[in-house]
C-alpha atoms as a PDB file:
ATOM      1  CA  VAL A   1      86.070 109.701 110.047  1.00  0.00           C
ATOM      2  CA  GLN A   2      89.259 106.818 109.887  1.00  0.00           C
ATOM      3  CA  LEU A   3      89.972 104.459 107.404  1.00  0.00           C
ATOM      4  CA  VAL A   4      93.076 102.377 108.424  1.00  0.00           C
ATOM      5  CA  GLU A   5      94.409  99.994 105.997  1.00  0.00           C
ATOM      6  CA  SER A   6      96.397  97.211 107.040  1.00  0.00           C
ATOM      7  CA  GLY A   7      97.660  94.089 105.715  1.00  0.00           C
ATOM      8  CA  GLY A   8     100.621  95.656 102.912  1.00  0.00           C
ATOM      9  CA  ALA A   9     103.836  93.789 102.531  1.00  0.00           C
ATOM     10  CA  SER A  10     106.319  92.786 100.192  1.00  0.00           C
ATOM     11  CA  VAL A  11     105.815  89.185  98.985  1.00  0.00           C
ATOM     12  CA  GLN A  12     107.728  87.422  96.189  1.00  0.00           C
ATOM     13  CA  PRO A  13     105.907  86.913  92.656  1.00  0.00           C
ATOM     14  CA  GLY A  14     102.725  84.803  93.195  1.00  0.00           C
ATOM     15  CA  GLY A  15     102.854  85.251  96.546  1.00  0.00           C
ATOM     16  CA  SER A  16      99.102  86.302  98.476  1.00  0.00           C
ATOM     17  CA  LEU A  17      98.591  89.178 100.542  1.00  0.00           C
ATOM     18  CA  ARG A  18      95.078  90.101 102.162  1.00  0.00           C
ATOM     19  CA  LEU A  19      94.437  93.851 102.218  1.00  0.00           C
ATOM     20  CA  SER A  20      91.785  95.281 105.170  1.00  0.00           C
ATOM     21  CA  CYS A  21      90.222  98.936 105.507  1.00  0.00           C
ATOM     22  CA  ALA A  22      88.805  99.386 108.917  1.00  0.00           C
ATOM     23  CA  ALA A  23      85.762 102.119 109.033  1.00  0.00           C
ATOM     24  CA  SER A  24      84.546 104.424 111.705  1.00  0.00           C
ATOM     25  CA  GLY A  25      82.714 107.542 111.900  1.00  0.00           C
ATOM     26  CA  PHE A  26      80.034 107.515 109.757  1.00  0.00           C
ATOM     27  CA  THR A  27      77.487 105.117 108.008  1.00  0.00           C
ATOM     28  CA  PHE A  28      79.851 102.076 106.307  1.00  0.00           C
ATOM     29  CA  SER A  29      76.402 100.327 105.132  1.00  0.00           C
ATOM     30  CA  MET A  30      75.454 103.385 103.244  1.00  0.00           C
ATOM     31  CA  ALA A  31      79.083 104.069 101.580  1.00  0.00           C
ATOM     32  CA  ASP A  32      80.007 102.349  98.157  1.00  0.00           C
ATOM     33  CA  MET A  33      83.874 100.982  98.787  1.00  0.00           C
ATOM     34  CA  SER A  34      86.714 101.193  96.832  1.00  0.00           C
ATOM     35  CA  TRP A  35      90.354 100.180  96.474  1.00  0.00           C
ATOM     36  CA  TYR A  36      92.659 102.473  94.454  1.00  0.00           C
ATOM     37  CA  ARG A  37      96.087 102.678  93.640  1.00  0.00           C
ATOM     38  CA  GLN A  38      99.226 104.629  93.532  1.00  0.00           C
ATOM     39  CA  ALA A  39     102.662 104.318  92.283  1.00  0.00           C
ATOM     40  CA  PRO A  40     105.148 106.988  92.500  1.00  0.00           C
ATOM     41  CA  GLY A  41     103.970 110.132  89.726  1.00  0.00           C
ATOM     42  CA  LYS A  42     101.390 108.144  88.695  1.00  0.00           C
ATOM     43  CA  GLU A  43      97.574 108.935  89.535  1.00  0.00           C
ATOM     44  CA  ARG A  44      96.133 107.217  91.326  1.00  0.00           C
ATOM     45  CA  GLU A  45      93.835 104.935  89.964  1.00  0.00           C
ATOM     46  CA  LEU A  46      90.589 102.454  91.039  1.00  0.00           C
ATOM     47  CA  VAL A  47      91.162  98.767  91.619  1.00  0.00           C
ATOM     48  CA  ALA A  48      88.255  97.425  92.858  1.00  0.00           C
ATOM     49  CA  ARG A  49      85.113  98.917  94.381  1.00  0.00           C
ATOM     50  CA  ILE A  50      81.986  97.052  95.700  1.00  0.00           C
ATOM     51  CA  SER A  51      78.903  98.423  96.123  1.00  0.00           C
ATOM     52  CA  HIS A  52      76.971  99.398 100.176  1.00  0.00           C
ATOM     53  CA  ALA A  53      74.843  95.681 100.224  1.00  0.00           C
ATOM     54  CA  GLY A  54      77.982  94.003  98.767  1.00  0.00           C
ATOM     55  CA  GLY A  55      76.015  93.070  95.561  1.00  0.00           C
ATOM     56  CA  ASP A  56      77.509  94.586  92.843  1.00  0.00           C
ATOM     57  CA  LYS A  57      81.450  94.875  92.446  1.00  0.00           C
ATOM     58  CA  ASP A  58      83.646  95.737  89.339  1.00  0.00           C
ATOM     59  CA  TYR A  59      87.491  95.402  88.903  1.00  0.00           C
ATOM     60  CA  GLU A  60      89.665  96.906  86.810  1.00  0.00           C
ATOM     61  CA  ASP A  61      90.886  95.342  83.585  1.00  0.00           C
ATOM     62  CA  SER A  62      94.660  94.564  84.021  1.00  0.00           C
ATOM     63  CA  VAL A  63      93.580  92.459  88.157  1.00  0.00           C
ATOM     64  CA  GLY A  64      92.509  89.610  85.665  1.00  0.00           C
ATOM     65  CA  GLY A  65      90.507  87.518  88.807  1.00  0.00           C
ATOM     66  CA  ARG A  66      93.595  87.719  90.675  1.00  0.00           C
ATOM     67  CA  LEU A  67      92.105  90.148  93.111  1.00  0.00           C
ATOM     68  CA  THR A  68      88.347  90.162  95.186  1.00  0.00           C
ATOM     69  CA  ILE A  69      87.042  92.458  97.437  1.00  0.00           C
ATOM     70  CA  SER A  70      84.378  91.959  99.912  1.00  0.00           C
ATOM     71  CA  ARG A  71      83.270  93.788 102.945  1.00  0.00           C
ATOM     72  CA  ASP A  72      81.972  92.962 106.534  1.00  0.00           C
ATOM     73  CA  ASN A  73      79.383  95.416 107.623  1.00  0.00           C
ATOM     74  CA  THR A  74      78.714  93.968 110.617  1.00  0.00           C
ATOM     75  CA  LYS A  75      82.878  94.336 110.932  1.00  0.00           C
ATOM     76  CA  LYS A  76      82.549  97.745 108.959  1.00  0.00           C
ATOM     77  CA  THR A  77      85.459  96.302 107.359  1.00  0.00           C
ATOM     78  CA  VAL A  78      86.417  96.369 103.236  1.00  0.00           C
ATOM     79  CA  TYR A  79      89.640  93.292 102.463  1.00  0.00           C
ATOM     80  CA  LEU A  80      91.192  93.296  99.165  1.00  0.00           C
ATOM     81  CA  GLN A  81      92.374  90.019  98.403  1.00  0.00           C
ATOM     82  CA  MET A  82      95.945  89.756  96.503  1.00  0.00           C
ATOM     83  CA  ASN A  83      96.782  86.393  94.594  1.00  0.00           C
ATOM     84  CA  SER A  84      99.152  85.625  91.944  1.00  0.00           C
ATOM     85  CA  LEU A  85     101.335  88.823  93.024  1.00  0.00           C
ATOM     86  CA  LYS A  86     103.464  90.515  89.901  1.00  0.00           C
ATOM     87  CA  PRO A  87     105.193  93.111  90.390  1.00  0.00           C
ATOM     88  CA  GLU A  88     103.554  95.295  88.819  1.00  0.00           C
ATOM     89  CA  ASP A  89     101.123  95.269  91.840  1.00  0.00           C
ATOM     90  CA  THR A  90     103.778  96.877  93.250  1.00  0.00           C
ATOM     91  CA  ASP A  91     102.092 100.051  95.042  1.00  0.00           C
ATOM     92  CA  VAL A  92     100.167 102.262  97.891  1.00  0.00           C
ATOM     93  CA  TYR A  93      96.783 101.084  98.224  1.00  0.00           C
ATOM     94  CA  TYR A  94      94.570 103.027  99.349  1.00  0.00           C
ATOM     95  CA  CYS A  95      90.783 102.727 100.583  1.00  0.00           C
ATOM     96  CA  ASN A  96      87.759 104.789  99.633  1.00  0.00           C
ATOM     97  CA  ALA A  97      84.339 104.905 101.432  1.00  0.00           C
ATOM     98  CA  GLY A  98      82.255 106.966  98.551  1.00  0.00           C
ATOM     99  CA  GLY A  99      78.527 108.025  98.851  1.00  0.00           C
ATOM    100  CA  PHE A 100      76.123 110.769  98.486  1.00  0.00           C
ATOM    101  CA  GLY A 101      77.441 114.196  99.688  1.00  0.00           C
ATOM    102  CA  PHE A 102      80.909 112.254 100.807  1.00  0.00           C
ATOM    103  CA  ASP A 103      84.415 110.835 100.013  1.00  0.00           C
ATOM    104  CA  TYR A 104      86.861 110.061 101.936  1.00  0.00           C
ATOM    105  CA  TRP A 105      89.824 108.349 102.481  1.00  0.00           C
ATOM    106  CA  GLY A 106      92.462 106.081 104.361  1.00  0.00           C
ATOM    107  CA  GLN A 107      96.483 106.583 104.836  1.00  0.00           C
ATOM    108  CA  GLY A 108      97.106 103.710 102.575  1.00  0.00           C
ATOM    109  CA  THR A 109      99.386 100.835 102.711  1.00  0.00           C
ATOM    110  CA  ARG A 110     102.088  99.111 100.804  1.00  0.00           C
ATOM    111  CA  VAL A 111     102.793  96.490  98.726  1.00  0.00           C
ATOM    112  CA  THR A 112     105.475  95.224  97.039  1.00  0.00           C
ATOM    113  CA  VAL A 113     105.969  92.651  95.051  1.00  0.00           C
ATOM    114  CA  SER A 114     109.752  91.473  93.913  1.00  0.00           C
ATOM    115  CA  SER A 115     112.160  88.302  93.905  1.00  0.00           C
END
């Protein structure tokens, strides 16, 4: 099983990034996919979740419409489009795959928002 995140970078406030998470080794279309973020010394927190078929999406309240989660089951990839980035969005972002009897994590990709 692998979840490989990419797309993290250093950007200025107001900028945009698109994170990707490529999955392999399990039935991607059966997994609810999520993005979490974690700052040093803090607990990992949920940012966004998308159901296995993509019909249901949930977001953490503070993202305020700036983030959009999507998935392509044919490519076994989940995305997080991040717009109007703020310094407080600086974190390591992790991809998670969850379903009946499984819970997988990626290695994380770092997002830094700074002027």
